[in-house]
Amino acid sequence: MEPNYLWLFLMPSMAVIFFLFKKRNPSNQKQLSFTFSHDLFKKHHRRTRFIFRIMLLSNLVVFALLAFCVARPMVLKSWVQKWTQGVDIVFVLDVSESMDATDLIPSRIQAAKSVIKDFVSHRPDDRIGLVIFGGESILKSPLTRDFDFLLAQVEDVKLRELKQGTAIGNGMANGIARLRNSESKTRILILLTDGDSNVGAINPITAAHLARQEGIKVYSIGIGQNDRVLVPIYAYDSSGTKTQLVAQIPSYLNPELLKQIASITGGRSYMARDTGALNRILQDIDQLEKTKIKLLPMSKKEETFLFPAILACLLLITLLFLQETRFQQRRLNGI
């Protein structure tokens, strides 16, 4: 509002004060003259005087409303706008048969799925995707903020659906392809595996150099114990009946390879020997790769003169109409 224009309120206020405190003398000829009602002051008809005062008061209200509009009343609306610079993340998850080992509770694959779900729930402003690999690699979810879809895809991950083997290079290359066209300033790949690369057309070190070339950081996580572990094995008899057996197999995890992959890309390498360690590793990555969030104070001025201006115009039009019709006729008739 423009305070300098508020003095305009003094004019209708002074007029009101004048009519409230002037002496009520019927013979007093010193009366305020208005072009449309001068003759009415000379009449002593009670009803006519009352109507005039109402019209005069209405004119003063119109003047006050117009003065209020000239002062440009405003309402200041303030809010805080959230600005985020998200991180694009792709999980590359090993689904080879050895991920069914029970050295992590309840199994390596179930522990991995659980920590991925927990990680996703803490990153609402990021885009996250999922690639799985065994002897081959497929995309389960592209980069997305549709976490209901993503979590459903994580839950849908099953073992023994891909070719057997551990094609770490192929899995990494698939994940890198999902991040290559990302416009995010921060792009990371989280590799979870329990074995050594033994199949696939792409060498993991070659994939690591490709990730560095694309500006993608790799966090490599080795899952499982160093010694022999129990893995369920399923057999089928001649009638097709499924039987579950348990086999003890050695750990083929290659910590040196995982360290080299992380070192080439500027990431970190971890070893998760139990479920608790795996959970802590994902929490550590969550802290290292924080989404940048800024709270920007915003404000907007909205002028509120429109309603009083419309009201003043309607009231003024009504007064002019009455003066030129009904009350003009009364004036001419000397009422």
Protein backbone atom coordinates (compact mmCIF):
# COMPACT_ATOMS: atom_id res chain seq x y z
CA MET A 1 0.00 0.00 0.00
CA GLU A 2 1.09 3.59 -0.73
CA PRO A 3 0.83 5.41 2.65
CA ASN A 4 1.13 8.83 0.98
CA TYR A 5 -2.36 8.49 -0.45
CA LEU A 6 -4.06 7.66 2.85
CA TRP A 7 -4.61 11.38 3.50
CA LEU A 8 -7.45 11.15 0.96
CA PHE A 9 -9.47 9.45 3.72
CA LEU A 10 -9.49 12.76 5.58
CA MET A 11 -11.92 14.34 3.13
CA PRO A 12 -14.87 11.94 3.63
CA SER A 13 -14.02 11.76 7.32
CA MET A 14 -14.24 15.54 7.70
CA ALA A 15 -17.56 15.57 5.86
CA VAL A 16 -18.97 12.93 8.21
CA ILE A 17 -17.74 14.84 11.26
CA PHE A 18 -19.29 18.05 9.93
CA PHE A 19 -22.74 16.52 9.53
CA LEU A 20 -22.56 14.78 12.90
CA PHE A 21 -21.70 17.88 14.90
CA LYS A 22 -23.36 20.73 13.05
CA LYS A 23 -26.28 22.45 14.77
CA ARG A 24 -29.67 21.15 13.81
CA ASN A 25 -31.38 24.46 13.07
CA PRO A 26 -34.24 24.23 10.54
CA SER A 27 -33.87 27.95 9.73
CA ASN A 28 -30.09 27.69 9.23
CA GLN A 29 -29.32 28.53 5.63
CA LYS A 30 -25.59 27.65 5.86
CA GLN A 31 -25.92 24.19 4.46
CA LEU A 32 -23.50 22.30 2.30
CA SER A 33 -24.44 22.60 -1.32
CA PHE A 34 -24.44 19.65 -3.70
CA THR A 35 -25.47 20.02 -7.31
CA PHE A 36 -27.89 17.14 -7.22
CA SER A 37 -29.58 17.90 -3.89
CA HIS A 38 -29.41 21.60 -3.08
CA ASP A 39 -33.19 21.95 -3.22
CA LEU A 40 -33.68 19.00 -0.91
CA PHE A 41 -31.94 20.84 1.95
CA LYS A 42 -34.59 23.56 1.74
CA LYS A 43 -37.38 21.07 2.35
CA HIS A 44 -38.36 19.92 5.74
CA HIS A 45 -40.03 16.75 4.72
CA ARG A 46 -38.59 14.23 7.17
CA ARG A 47 -38.51 11.33 4.76
CA THR A 48 -36.78 13.41 2.08
CA ARG A 49 -34.07 14.52 4.50
CA PHE A 50 -33.50 10.93 5.56
CA ILE A 51 -33.16 9.76 1.95
CA PHE A 52 -30.73 12.55 1.21
CA ARG A 53 -28.55 11.66 4.16
CA ILE A 54 -28.44 8.06 3.03
CA MET A 55 -27.40 9.12 -0.44
CA LEU A 56 -24.83 11.53 0.97
CA LEU A 57 -23.39 8.80 3.17
CA SER A 58 -23.27 6.50 0.14
CA ASN A 59 -21.32 9.13 -1.80
CA LEU A 60 -18.87 9.40 1.07
CA VAL A 61 -18.48 5.62 1.09
CA VAL A 62 -17.78 5.68 -2.65
CA PHE A 63 -15.15 8.37 -2.12
CA ALA A 64 -13.54 6.37 0.71
CA LEU A 65 -13.45 3.22 -1.44
CA LEU A 66 -11.83 5.12 -4.31
CA ALA A 67 -9.28 6.60 -1.93
CA PHE A 68 -8.56 3.09 -0.68
CA CYS A 69 -8.02 1.92 -4.28
CA VAL A 70 -5.70 4.83 -5.06
CA ALA A 71 -3.58 3.79 -2.06
CA ARG A 72 -3.01 0.42 -3.85
CA PRO A 73 -3.66 -2.07 -1.04
CA MET A 74 -1.59 -5.23 -1.35
CA VAL A 75 -1.31 -8.64 0.27
CA LEU A 76 2.15 -10.16 0.63
CA LYS A 77 2.17 -13.93 0.17
CA SER A 78 5.29 -15.75 1.31
CA TRP A 79 6.34 -19.38 0.91
CA VAL A 80 9.43 -21.55 0.73
CA GLN A 81 10.31 -23.27 -2.54
CA LYS A 82 12.30 -26.50 -2.37
CA TRP A 83 15.09 -26.82 -4.94
CA THR A 84 16.76 -30.19 -5.30
CA GLN A 85 19.68 -31.48 -7.32
CA GLY A 86 19.08 -35.21 -7.31
CA VAL A 87 21.47 -38.11 -7.81
CA ASP A 88 20.97 -40.75 -10.50
CA ILE A 89 21.72 -44.21 -9.12
CA VAL A 90 21.71 -47.64 -10.75
CA PHE A 91 21.95 -50.82 -8.69
CA VAL A 92 23.73 -53.66 -10.48
CA LEU A 93 22.71 -56.79 -8.60
CA ASP A 94 24.26 -60.24 -8.94
CA VAL A 95 21.58 -62.97 -9.26
CA SER A 96 23.87 -65.94 -9.80
CA GLU A 97 22.97 -69.17 -8.02
CA SER A 98 25.50 -68.60 -5.23
CA MET A 99 23.44 -65.58 -4.06
CA ASP A 100 21.12 -68.15 -2.46
CA ALA A 101 23.79 -68.88 0.18
CA THR A 102 22.61 -68.55 3.76
CA ASP A 103 25.67 -66.93 5.38
CA LEU A 104 23.61 -63.70 5.32
CA ILE A 105 20.19 -63.93 6.96
CA PRO A 106 17.93 -65.21 5.49
CA SER A 107 20.04 -65.42 2.32
CA ARG A 108 22.40 -63.22 0.36
CA ILE A 109 19.82 -62.26 -2.24
CA GLN A 110 17.09 -61.55 0.31
CA ALA A 111 19.46 -59.42 2.40
CA ALA A 112 20.50 -57.50 -0.73
CA LYS A 113 16.87 -56.89 -1.73
CA SER A 114 16.05 -55.71 1.80
CA VAL A 115 18.85 -53.12 1.98
CA ILE A 116 18.07 -51.87 -1.54
CA LYS A 117 14.45 -51.25 -0.52
CA ASP A 118 15.57 -49.43 2.62
CA PHE A 119 18.03 -47.33 0.61
CA VAL A 120 15.35 -46.36 -1.91
CA SER A 121 12.96 -45.25 0.84
CA HIS A 122 15.54 -42.67 2.03
CA ARG A 123 16.14 -41.12 -1.42
CA PRO A 124 12.81 -39.51 -2.43
CA ASP A 125 14.47 -36.86 -4.62
CA ASP A 126 16.67 -39.20 -6.67
CA ARG A 127 16.12 -41.34 -9.74
CA ILE A 128 17.04 -44.97 -9.18
CA GLY A 129 17.25 -47.90 -11.58
CA LEU A 130 17.95 -51.63 -11.30
CA VAL A 131 20.04 -53.98 -13.46
CA ILE A 132 20.50 -57.66 -12.66
CA PHE A 133 23.12 -60.03 -14.00
CA GLY A 134 24.22 -63.65 -13.87
CA GLY A 135 25.79 -65.12 -16.99
CA GLU A 136 23.95 -62.32 -18.84
CA SER A 137 22.50 -58.97 -17.88
CA ILE A 138 19.00 -57.45 -18.16
CA LEU A 139 17.33 -54.22 -17.11
CA LYS A 140 14.68 -54.58 -14.42
CA SER A 141 13.88 -50.89 -13.96
CA PRO A 142 15.07 -47.75 -15.78
CA LEU A 143 15.95 -44.62 -13.81
CA THR A 144 12.73 -43.58 -12.15
CA ARG A 145 11.11 -41.79 -9.23
CA ASP A 146 8.16 -44.17 -9.43
CA PHE A 147 9.34 -46.05 -6.39
CA ASP A 148 6.25 -48.25 -6.19
CA PHE A 149 7.23 -49.69 -9.56
CA LEU A 150 10.90 -49.89 -8.61
CA LEU A 151 10.25 -51.67 -5.31
CA ALA A 152 7.94 -54.11 -7.08
CA GLN A 153 10.75 -54.89 -9.52
CA VAL A 154 13.20 -55.41 -6.65
CA GLU A 155 10.77 -57.78 -4.97
CA ASP A 156 10.29 -59.62 -8.28
CA VAL A 157 14.00 -60.46 -8.55
CA LYS A 158 14.49 -64.24 -8.60
CA LEU A 159 17.50 -66.48 -8.92
CA ARG A 160 18.11 -69.07 -11.64
CA GLU A 161 16.21 -67.13 -14.30
CA LEU A 162 19.30 -66.01 -16.22
CA LYS A 163 22.18 -67.97 -17.67
CA GLN A 164 24.50 -69.24 -14.99
CA GLY A 165 27.79 -67.49 -14.33
CA THR A 166 28.94 -64.08 -13.07
CA ALA A 167 29.30 -61.55 -15.86
CA ILE A 168 30.30 -58.52 -13.78
CA GLY A 169 31.53 -56.57 -16.81
CA ASN A 170 28.26 -57.09 -18.69
CA GLY A 171 26.24 -55.99 -15.67
CA MET A 172 28.34 -52.85 -15.23
CA ALA A 173 28.14 -51.99 -18.93
CA ASN A 174 24.34 -52.31 -18.81
CA GLY A 175 24.18 -50.00 -15.80
CA ILE A 176 26.55 -47.48 -17.42
CA ALA A 177 24.32 -47.41 -20.50
CA ARG A 178 21.37 -46.37 -18.29
CA LEU A 179 23.39 -43.49 -16.82
CA ARG A 180 25.14 -42.31 -19.98
CA ASN A 181 22.37 -39.94 -21.12
CA SER A 182 21.53 -38.71 -17.63
CA GLU A 183 21.67 -34.93 -17.14
CA SER A 184 22.32 -35.27 -13.41
CA LYS A 185 25.65 -33.90 -12.20
CA THR A 186 26.08 -36.90 -9.89
CA ARG A 187 25.75 -40.41 -11.32
CA ILE A 188 26.68 -43.49 -9.38
CA LEU A 189 26.57 -47.23 -9.90
CA ILE A 190 26.28 -49.59 -6.92
CA LEU A 191 27.58 -53.07 -7.71
CA LEU A 192 26.55 -55.93 -5.42
CA THR A 193 28.14 -59.32 -6.15
CA ASP A 194 29.33 -62.43 -4.35
CA GLY A 195 31.60 -63.85 -7.02
CA ASP A 196 34.42 -63.34 -9.44
CA SER A 197 33.86 -62.45 -13.09
CA ASN A 198 33.98 -65.73 -15.04
CA VAL A 199 31.83 -65.14 -18.14
CA GLY A 200 30.74 -62.29 -20.37
CA ALA A 201 32.09 -60.40 -23.35
CA ILE A 202 33.12 -57.30 -21.36
CA ASN A 203 36.00 -57.29 -18.89
CA PRO A 204 35.09 -55.60 -15.57
CA ILE A 205 38.21 -53.40 -15.72
CA THR A 206 37.24 -52.25 -19.22
CA ALA A 207 33.77 -51.45 -17.87
CA ALA A 208 35.36 -49.49 -14.99
CA HIS A 209 37.39 -47.35 -17.41
CA LEU A 210 34.21 -46.75 -19.43
CA ALA A 211 32.44 -45.61 -16.25
CA ARG A 212 35.27 -43.18 -15.46
CA GLN A 213 35.14 -41.83 -19.01
CA GLU A 214 31.41 -41.14 -18.55
CA GLY A 215 31.93 -39.52 -15.15
CA ILE A 216 30.19 -42.36 -13.30
CA LYS A 217 31.37 -43.36 -9.85
CA VAL A 218 31.19 -47.05 -8.89
CA TYR A 219 30.67 -48.33 -5.35
CA SER A 220 31.49 -52.05 -5.32
CA ILE A 221 30.16 -54.30 -2.56
CA GLY A 222 31.34 -57.87 -2.05
CA ILE A 223 28.76 -60.06 -0.32
CA GLY A 224 29.47 -63.19 1.72
CA GLN A 225 32.01 -65.04 3.84
CA ASN A 226 35.50 -66.05 2.79
CA ASP A 227 35.12 -69.74 3.53
CA ARG A 228 32.77 -72.40 2.22
CA VAL A 229 29.04 -71.65 2.43
CA LEU A 230 25.81 -73.59 2.20
CA VAL A 231 23.75 -73.11 -0.96
CA PRO A 232 20.39 -74.75 -1.72
CA ILE A 233 20.41 -76.85 -4.87
CA TYR A 234 17.23 -78.09 -6.55
CA ALA A 235 17.00 -81.43 -8.31
CA TYR A 236 14.19 -83.03 -10.29
CA ASP A 237 13.48 -86.76 -10.51
CA SER A 238 12.08 -88.60 -13.53
CA SER A 239 8.51 -87.68 -12.57
CA GLY A 240 9.37 -83.96 -12.38
CA THR A 241 9.19 -83.75 -8.63
CA LYS A 242 11.34 -80.95 -7.25
CA THR A 243 13.73 -81.81 -4.43
CA GLN A 244 15.82 -79.33 -2.48
CA LEU A 245 19.34 -80.34 -1.53
CA VAL A 246 22.05 -78.40 0.24
CA ALA A 247 25.57 -78.15 -1.11
CA GLN A 248 28.65 -76.63 0.46
CA ILE A 249 30.56 -74.52 -2.05
CA PRO A 250 33.66 -72.34 -1.74
CA SER A 251 33.47 -68.54 -1.92
CA TYR A 252 34.67 -67.17 -5.24
CA LEU A 253 34.56 -63.53 -4.18
CA ASN A 254 37.41 -61.42 -5.57
CA PRO A 255 37.96 -58.40 -3.24
CA GLU A 256 40.95 -57.17 -5.24
CA LEU A 257 38.90 -56.88 -8.42
CA LEU A 258 36.21 -54.91 -6.58
CA LYS A 259 38.81 -52.56 -5.10
CA GLN A 260 40.33 -51.95 -8.52
CA ILE A 261 36.93 -51.19 -10.07
CA ALA A 262 36.10 -48.67 -7.34
CA SER A 263 39.57 -47.08 -7.45
CA ILE A 264 39.44 -46.50 -11.22
CA THR A 265 36.10 -44.66 -10.97
CA GLY A 266 36.78 -42.69 -7.77
CA GLY A 267 34.34 -44.74 -5.73
CA ARG A 268 34.77 -47.04 -2.74
CA SER A 269 34.94 -50.78 -2.21
CA TYR A 270 33.25 -52.64 0.66
CA MET A 271 32.99 -56.16 2.00
CA ALA A 272 29.69 -57.27 3.59
CA ARG A 273 30.35 -60.40 5.63
CA ASP A 274 26.93 -60.34 7.31
CA THR A 275 23.52 -58.68 6.96
CA GLY A 276 24.31 -55.94 9.47
CA ALA A 277 27.48 -54.98 7.60
CA LEU A 278 25.60 -54.83 4.31
CA ASN A 279 23.03 -52.51 5.84
CA ARG A 280 25.75 -50.23 7.27
CA ILE A 281 27.49 -50.06 3.88
CA LEU A 282 24.36 -48.82 2.12
CA GLN A 283 23.87 -46.27 4.91
CA ASP A 284 27.43 -45.07 4.39
CA ILE A 285 26.87 -44.64 0.65
CA ASP A 286 23.64 -42.82 1.42
CA GLN A 287 25.60 -40.32 3.53
CA LEU A 288 28.41 -39.95 0.98
CA GLU A 289 26.10 -39.22 -1.95
CA LYS A 290 23.68 -36.72 -0.46
CA THR A 291 21.09 -34.99 -2.60
CA LYS A 292 21.59 -31.23 -2.64
CA ILE A 293 18.54 -29.46 -1.27
CA LYS A 294 18.03 -25.70 -0.99
CA LEU A 295 15.08 -23.94 0.59
CA LEU A 296 14.49 -20.72 -1.31
CA PRO A 297 12.29 -18.08 0.38
CA MET A 298 9.78 -16.74 -2.14
CA SER A 299 7.26 -13.91 -1.92
CA LYS A 300 4.64 -12.37 -4.16
CA LYS A 301 2.63 -9.18 -3.87
CA GLU A 302 -1.01 -9.30 -4.91
CA GLU A 303 -2.96 -6.08 -5.29
CA THR A 304 -6.40 -6.17 -3.65
CA PHE A 305 -7.96 -2.99 -5.00
CA LEU A 306 -10.20 -4.82 -7.50
CA PHE A 307 -13.05 -5.74 -5.14
CA PRO A 308 -13.38 -2.30 -3.48
CA ALA A 309 -13.11 -0.66 -6.94
CA ILE A 310 -15.95 -2.80 -8.27
CA LEU A 311 -18.01 -2.08 -5.17
CA ALA A 312 -17.40 1.67 -5.52
CA CYS A 313 -18.39 1.62 -9.20
CA LEU A 314 -21.58 -0.35 -8.55
CA LEU A 315 -22.55 1.94 -5.69
CA LEU A 316 -21.82 5.06 -7.75
CA ILE A 317 -23.80 3.77 -10.73
CA THR A 318 -26.74 2.98 -8.43
CA LEU A 319 -26.67 6.48 -6.92
CA LEU A 320 -26.53 8.14 -10.33
CA PHE A 321 -29.39 6.00 -11.55
CA LEU A 322 -31.54 6.86 -8.54
CA GLN A 323 -30.78 10.56 -8.87
CA GLU A 324 -31.81 10.59 -12.52
CA THR A 325 -35.00 8.57 -12.00
CA ARG A 326 -37.02 8.24 -8.83
CA PHE A 327 -35.39 10.87 -6.62
CA GLN A 328 -35.00 13.31 -9.49
CA GLN A 329 -38.78 13.06 -9.97
CA ARG A 330 -39.33 13.68 -6.25
CA ARG A 331 -37.11 16.74 -6.41
CA LEU A 332 -39.06 18.14 -9.33
CA ASN A 333 -42.31 17.51 -7.49
CA GLY A 334 -40.95 19.36 -4.46
CA ILE A 335 -41.14 16.45 -2.09
